[in-house]
Amino acid sequence: MDEGVVEEEAHRRAMESGGEADELIAELRARREADVEAAWAEEAHRRWKAYQRGEEEMLDFDDVMAGIRATFPR
């Protein structure tokens, strides 16, 4: 089911019943956050495997931050 439709239904229920819709909205947000976390975990694993195969290189955090600071001074 489309998330937009579900959120609209949740909003409609909120107007009618209060707490139940709030629980539904919280559940939808938790699911969305879990999906994002899973996607990032998958991406991190993909990058690690690419590094192990020699397809990617690691960058030093301090070097990256220095480059960012030089590009975007305050």
N, C-alpha and C. Protein backbone atom coordinates (compact mmCIF):
# COMPACT_ATOMS: atom_id res chain seq x y z
N MET A 1 0.84 -1.18 0.00
CA MET A 1 0.00 0.00 0.00
C MET A 1 0.89 1.24 0.00
N ASP A 2 0.49 2.23 -0.75
CA ASP A 2 1.25 3.48 -0.85
C ASP A 2 1.30 4.17 0.50
N GLU A 3 2.52 4.60 0.90
CA GLU A 3 2.68 5.25 2.21
C GLU A 3 1.83 6.51 2.33
N GLY A 4 1.71 7.25 1.23
CA GLY A 4 0.89 8.46 1.27
C GLY A 4 -0.55 8.17 1.60
N VAL A 5 -1.07 7.10 1.01
CA VAL A 5 -2.45 6.70 1.27
C VAL A 5 -2.60 6.28 2.72
N VAL A 6 -1.62 5.53 3.21
CA VAL A 6 -1.67 5.07 4.60
C VAL A 6 -1.61 6.26 5.55
N GLU A 7 -0.73 7.23 5.25
CA GLU A 7 -0.63 8.40 6.13
C GLU A 7 -1.93 9.22 6.10
N GLU A 8 -2.54 9.33 4.93
CA GLU A 8 -3.83 10.04 4.86
C GLU A 8 -4.88 9.33 5.70
N GLU A 9 -4.90 8.00 5.61
CA GLU A 9 -5.83 7.22 6.41
C GLU A 9 -5.54 7.40 7.89
N ALA A 10 -4.28 7.42 8.24
CA ALA A 10 -3.90 7.63 9.64
C ALA A 10 -4.37 8.99 10.13
N HIS A 11 -4.21 10.00 9.28
CA HIS A 11 -4.65 11.34 9.66
C HIS A 11 -6.17 11.37 9.85
N ARG A 12 -6.90 10.72 8.94
CA ARG A 12 -8.36 10.67 9.05
C ARG A 12 -8.76 10.00 10.35
N ARG A 13 -8.08 8.88 10.66
CA ARG A 13 -8.39 8.18 11.91
C ARG A 13 -8.05 9.03 13.13
N ALA A 14 -7.00 9.82 13.01
CA ALA A 14 -6.61 10.68 14.13
C ALA A 14 -7.71 11.67 14.44
N MET A 15 -8.32 12.18 13.40
CA MET A 15 -9.41 13.13 13.60
C MET A 15 -10.60 12.45 14.26
N GLU A 16 -10.77 11.17 14.00
CA GLU A 16 -11.92 10.44 14.54
C GLU A 16 -11.66 9.86 15.93
N SER A 17 -10.45 9.27 16.10
CA SER A 17 -10.26 8.49 17.32
C SER A 17 -9.07 8.89 18.18
N GLY A 18 -8.20 9.72 17.70
CA GLY A 18 -7.10 10.17 18.53
C GLY A 18 -5.92 9.22 18.56
N GLY A 19 -5.74 8.50 19.66
CA GLY A 19 -4.54 7.73 19.93
C GLY A 19 -4.20 6.63 18.95
N GLU A 20 -5.18 5.94 18.41
CA GLU A 20 -4.90 4.83 17.49
C GLU A 20 -4.13 5.31 16.26
N ALA A 21 -4.52 6.43 15.72
CA ALA A 21 -3.85 6.95 14.53
C ALA A 21 -2.42 7.38 14.86
N ASP A 22 -2.23 7.95 16.02
CA ASP A 22 -0.88 8.32 16.43
C ASP A 22 0.02 7.10 16.49
N GLU A 23 -0.53 5.99 16.97
CA GLU A 23 0.24 4.74 17.01
C GLU A 23 0.56 4.26 15.60
N LEU A 24 -0.40 4.37 14.68
CA LEU A 24 -0.17 3.96 13.30
C LEU A 24 0.91 4.82 12.65
N ILE A 25 0.86 6.11 12.86
CA ILE A 25 1.88 7.01 12.30
C ILE A 25 3.26 6.67 12.88
N ALA A 26 3.33 6.44 14.17
CA ALA A 26 4.60 6.08 14.80
C ALA A 26 5.13 4.77 14.22
N GLU A 27 4.24 3.82 13.99
CA GLU A 27 4.66 2.54 13.41
C GLU A 27 5.20 2.73 11.99
N LEU A 28 4.53 3.56 11.20
CA LEU A 28 4.99 3.84 9.84
C LEU A 28 6.37 4.49 9.84
N ARG A 29 6.57 5.43 10.73
CA ARG A 29 7.86 6.11 10.82
C ARG A 29 8.95 5.12 11.24
N ALA A 30 8.64 4.25 12.19
CA ALA A 30 9.62 3.26 12.64
C ALA A 30 9.99 2.32 11.51
N ARG A 31 9.00 1.91 10.72
CA ARG A 31 9.28 1.04 9.57
C ARG A 31 10.17 1.74 8.57
N ARG A 32 9.86 3.01 8.29
CA ARG A 32 10.66 3.78 7.33
C ARG A 32 12.10 3.91 7.83
N GLU A 33 12.26 4.19 9.12
CA GLU A 33 13.61 4.31 9.69
C GLU A 33 14.34 2.97 9.60
N ALA A 34 13.64 1.88 9.85
CA ALA A 34 14.26 0.55 9.76
C ALA A 34 14.70 0.27 8.32
N ASP A 35 13.87 0.68 7.35
CA ASP A 35 14.23 0.50 5.95
C ASP A 35 15.48 1.29 5.59
N VAL A 36 15.57 2.51 6.09
CA VAL A 36 16.74 3.34 5.82
C VAL A 36 17.98 2.72 6.46
N GLU A 37 17.86 2.26 7.70
CA GLU A 37 18.99 1.63 8.38
C GLU A 37 19.45 0.39 7.62
N ALA A 38 18.50 -0.41 7.15
CA ALA A 38 18.86 -1.62 6.40
C ALA A 38 19.56 -1.27 5.09
N ALA A 39 19.09 -0.23 4.42
CA ALA A 39 19.71 0.19 3.16
C ALA A 39 21.15 0.67 3.40
N TRP A 40 21.37 1.42 4.47
CA TRP A 40 22.73 1.89 4.77
C TRP A 40 23.63 0.72 5.15
N ALA A 41 23.11 -0.23 5.89
CA ALA A 41 23.91 -1.41 6.25
C ALA A 41 24.32 -2.18 5.00
N GLU A 42 23.39 -2.32 4.07
CA GLU A 42 23.69 -3.00 2.81
C GLU A 42 24.74 -2.23 2.01
N GLU A 43 24.62 -0.90 1.97
CA GLU A 43 25.59 -0.08 1.25
C GLU A 43 26.97 -0.16 1.90
N ALA A 44 27.03 -0.13 3.21
CA ALA A 44 28.31 -0.24 3.91
C ALA A 44 28.97 -1.59 3.61
N HIS A 45 28.17 -2.64 3.59
CA HIS A 45 28.70 -3.97 3.28
C HIS A 45 29.22 -4.01 1.83
N ARG A 46 28.46 -3.43 0.92
CA ARG A 46 28.88 -3.40 -0.49
C ARG A 46 30.21 -2.66 -0.63
N ARG A 47 30.34 -1.53 0.04
CA ARG A 47 31.58 -0.75 -0.03
C ARG A 47 32.76 -1.51 0.58
N TRP A 48 32.51 -2.18 1.70
CA TRP A 48 33.58 -2.93 2.35
C TRP A 48 34.07 -4.05 1.43
N LYS A 49 33.14 -4.77 0.81
CA LYS A 49 33.51 -5.85 -0.10
C LYS A 49 34.29 -5.29 -1.30
N ALA A 50 33.87 -4.14 -1.83
CA ALA A 50 34.58 -3.52 -2.95
C ALA A 50 35.99 -3.13 -2.52
N TYR A 51 36.15 -2.63 -1.31
CA TYR A 51 37.47 -2.29 -0.79
C TYR A 51 38.34 -3.55 -0.69
N GLN A 52 37.77 -4.62 -0.17
CA GLN A 52 38.53 -5.86 -0.03
C GLN A 52 38.98 -6.41 -1.39
N ARG A 53 38.20 -6.19 -2.43
CA ARG A 53 38.55 -6.64 -3.78
C ARG A 53 39.52 -5.68 -4.46
N GLY A 54 39.83 -4.55 -3.81
CA GLY A 54 40.74 -3.57 -4.39
C GLY A 54 40.06 -2.62 -5.36
N GLU A 55 38.74 -2.57 -5.34
CA GLU A 55 37.98 -1.71 -6.25
C GLU A 55 37.73 -0.32 -5.67
N GLU A 56 37.91 -0.18 -4.38
CA GLU A 56 37.71 1.11 -3.69
C GLU A 56 38.92 1.36 -2.79
N GLU A 57 39.16 2.62 -2.51
CA GLU A 57 40.24 2.95 -1.59
C GLU A 57 39.68 3.65 -0.36
N MET A 58 40.37 3.52 0.73
CA MET A 58 39.98 4.20 1.96
C MET A 58 40.58 5.60 1.94
N LEU A 59 39.85 6.54 2.49
CA LEU A 59 40.34 7.90 2.62
C LEU A 59 40.47 8.23 4.10
N ASP A 60 41.52 8.93 4.44
CA ASP A 60 41.74 9.33 5.82
C ASP A 60 40.74 10.42 6.20
N PHE A 61 40.07 10.23 7.31
CA PHE A 61 39.05 11.16 7.77
C PHE A 61 39.59 12.59 7.88
N ASP A 62 40.75 12.75 8.49
CA ASP A 62 41.32 14.09 8.68
C ASP A 62 41.62 14.76 7.34
N ASP A 63 42.08 13.97 6.36
CA ASP A 63 42.34 14.53 5.03
C ASP A 63 41.05 14.98 4.36
N VAL A 64 40.02 14.16 4.48
CA VAL A 64 38.73 14.50 3.88
C VAL A 64 38.17 15.77 4.52
N MET A 65 38.24 15.85 5.85
CA MET A 65 37.72 17.03 6.55
C MET A 65 38.52 18.27 6.20
N ALA A 66 39.84 18.14 6.05
CA ALA A 66 40.66 19.29 5.66
C ALA A 66 40.26 19.78 4.28
N GLY A 67 39.99 18.87 3.36
CA GLY A 67 39.55 19.25 2.03
C GLY A 67 38.21 19.96 2.05
N ILE A 68 37.30 19.47 2.88
CA ILE A 68 35.98 20.10 3.00
C ILE A 68 36.13 21.50 3.59
N ARG A 69 36.93 21.63 4.62
CA ARG A 69 37.13 22.95 5.24
C ARG A 69 37.78 23.93 4.28
N ALA A 70 38.69 23.43 3.43
CA ALA A 70 39.34 24.32 2.46
C ALA A 70 38.34 24.75 1.37
N THR A 71 37.44 23.85 1.02
CA THR A 71 36.46 24.15 -0.03
C THR A 71 35.35 25.05 0.50
N PHE A 72 34.95 24.85 1.75
CA PHE A 72 33.85 25.60 2.33
C PHE A 72 34.29 26.30 3.61
N PRO A 73 35.13 27.35 3.48
CA PRO A 73 35.58 28.04 4.69
C PRO A 73 34.41 28.75 5.38
N ARG A 74 34.56 28.94 6.66
CA ARG A 74 33.49 29.61 7.43
C ARG A 74 33.52 31.08 7.24
